[in-house]
C-alpha atoms as a PDB file:
ATOM      1  CA  MET A   1     -27.560   0.275  42.690  1.00  0.00           C
ATOM      2  CA  ALA A   2     -27.166  -2.827  40.292  1.00  0.00           C
ATOM      3  CA  LYS A   3     -29.951  -5.478  39.962  1.00  0.00           C
ATOM      4  CA  PRO A   4     -29.290  -8.572  41.030  1.00  0.00           C
ATOM      5  CA  ASN A   5     -28.689 -11.122  38.286  1.00  0.00           C
ATOM      6  CA  TYR A   6     -30.894 -14.292  39.276  1.00  0.00           C
ATOM      7  CA  GLN A   7     -30.335 -16.083  36.325  1.00  0.00           C
ATOM      8  CA  PHE A   8     -26.434 -16.226  36.871  1.00  0.00           C
ATOM      9  CA  GLN A   9     -27.198 -17.219  40.472  1.00  0.00           C
ATOM     10  CA  LYS A  10     -29.760 -19.822  39.348  1.00  0.00           C
ATOM     11  CA  ARG A  11     -27.044 -21.405  36.938  1.00  0.00           C
ATOM     12  CA  GLN A  12     -24.577 -21.269  39.588  1.00  0.00           C
ATOM     13  CA  LYS A  13     -26.712 -23.341  41.770  1.00  0.00           C
ATOM     14  CA  GLU A  14     -27.717 -25.729  38.950  1.00  0.00           C
ATOM     15  CA  LEU A  15     -23.841 -26.315  38.458  1.00  0.00           C
ATOM     16  CA  GLU A  16     -23.259 -26.819  42.151  1.00  0.00           C
ATOM     17  CA  LYS A  17     -25.975 -29.252  42.222  1.00  0.00           C
ATOM     18  CA  LEU A  18     -24.610 -31.277  39.323  1.00  0.00           C
ATOM     19  CA  LYS A  19     -21.097 -31.250  40.602  1.00  0.00           C
ATOM     20  CA  LYS A  20     -22.744 -32.647  43.985  1.00  0.00           C
ATOM     21  CA  GLN A  21     -24.615 -35.437  42.165  1.00  0.00           C
ATOM     22  CA  GLU A  22     -21.306 -36.414  40.344  1.00  0.00           C
ATOM     23  CA  GLU A  23     -19.394 -36.708  43.132  1.00  0.00           C
ATOM     24  CA  LYS A  24     -22.225 -38.926  44.906  1.00  0.00           C
ATOM     25  CA  LYS A  25     -22.408 -41.264  41.780  1.00  0.00           C
ATOM     26  CA  GLN A  26     -18.339 -41.523  42.123  1.00  0.00           C
ATOM     27  CA  ARG A  27     -18.732 -42.307  45.642  1.00  0.00           C
ATOM     28  CA  LYS A  28     -21.661 -44.981  44.991  1.00  0.00           C
ATOM     29  CA  LEU A  29     -19.360 -46.496  42.168  1.00  0.00           C
ATOM     30  CA  GLU A  30     -16.361 -46.803  44.626  1.00  0.00           C
ATOM     31  CA  ARG A  31     -18.408 -48.269  47.142  1.00  0.00           C
ATOM     32  CA  ALA A  32     -19.723 -50.940  44.991  1.00  0.00           C
ATOM     33  CA  LYS A  33     -16.368 -51.699  43.562  1.00  0.00           C
ATOM     34  CA  GLU A  34     -14.998 -52.122  46.874  1.00  0.00           C
ATOM     35  CA  GLU A  35     -17.955 -54.338  47.905  1.00  0.00           C
ATOM     36  CA  SER A  36     -17.596 -56.483  44.891  1.00  0.00           C
ATOM     37  CA  ASP A  37     -13.765 -56.814  45.369  1.00  0.00           C
ATOM     38  CA  GLU A  38     -14.330 -58.387  49.135  1.00  0.00           C
ATOM     39  CA  ASN A  39     -17.064 -60.408  47.878  1.00  0.00           C
ATOM     40  CA  GLN A  40     -14.503 -61.924  45.481  1.00  0.00           C
ATOM     41  CA  GLU A  41     -12.002 -62.072  48.111  1.00  0.00           C
ATOM     42  CA  GLN A  42     -14.516 -64.111  50.437  1.00  0.00           C
ATOM     43  CA  ALA A  43     -15.275 -66.392  47.633  1.00  0.00           C
ATOM     44  CA  ASP A  44     -11.642 -67.016  46.817  1.00  0.00           C
ATOM     45  CA  ASP A  45     -10.916 -67.889  50.430  1.00  0.00           C
ATOM     46  CA  GLY A  46     -13.864 -70.169  50.667  1.00  0.00           C
ATOM     47  CA  GLU A  47     -12.940 -72.504  47.882  1.00  0.00           C
ATOM     48  CA  GLU A  48     -10.434 -75.121  48.860  1.00  0.00           C
ATOM     49  CA  VAL A  49      -8.441 -76.786  46.113  1.00  0.00           C
ATOM     50  CA  SER A  50      -8.323 -80.673  46.516  1.00  0.00           C
END
């Protein structure tokens, strides 16, 4: 019976963790962009040209 390759398993787990962190970072950036766009639209709506 072959021995388990713990280094490979550990590396795969680390890669999965990094991928998940990157996806989370992207979601946060998208959410921040949407909020800034909404705030910009609200500011534009609030200003009246006289």
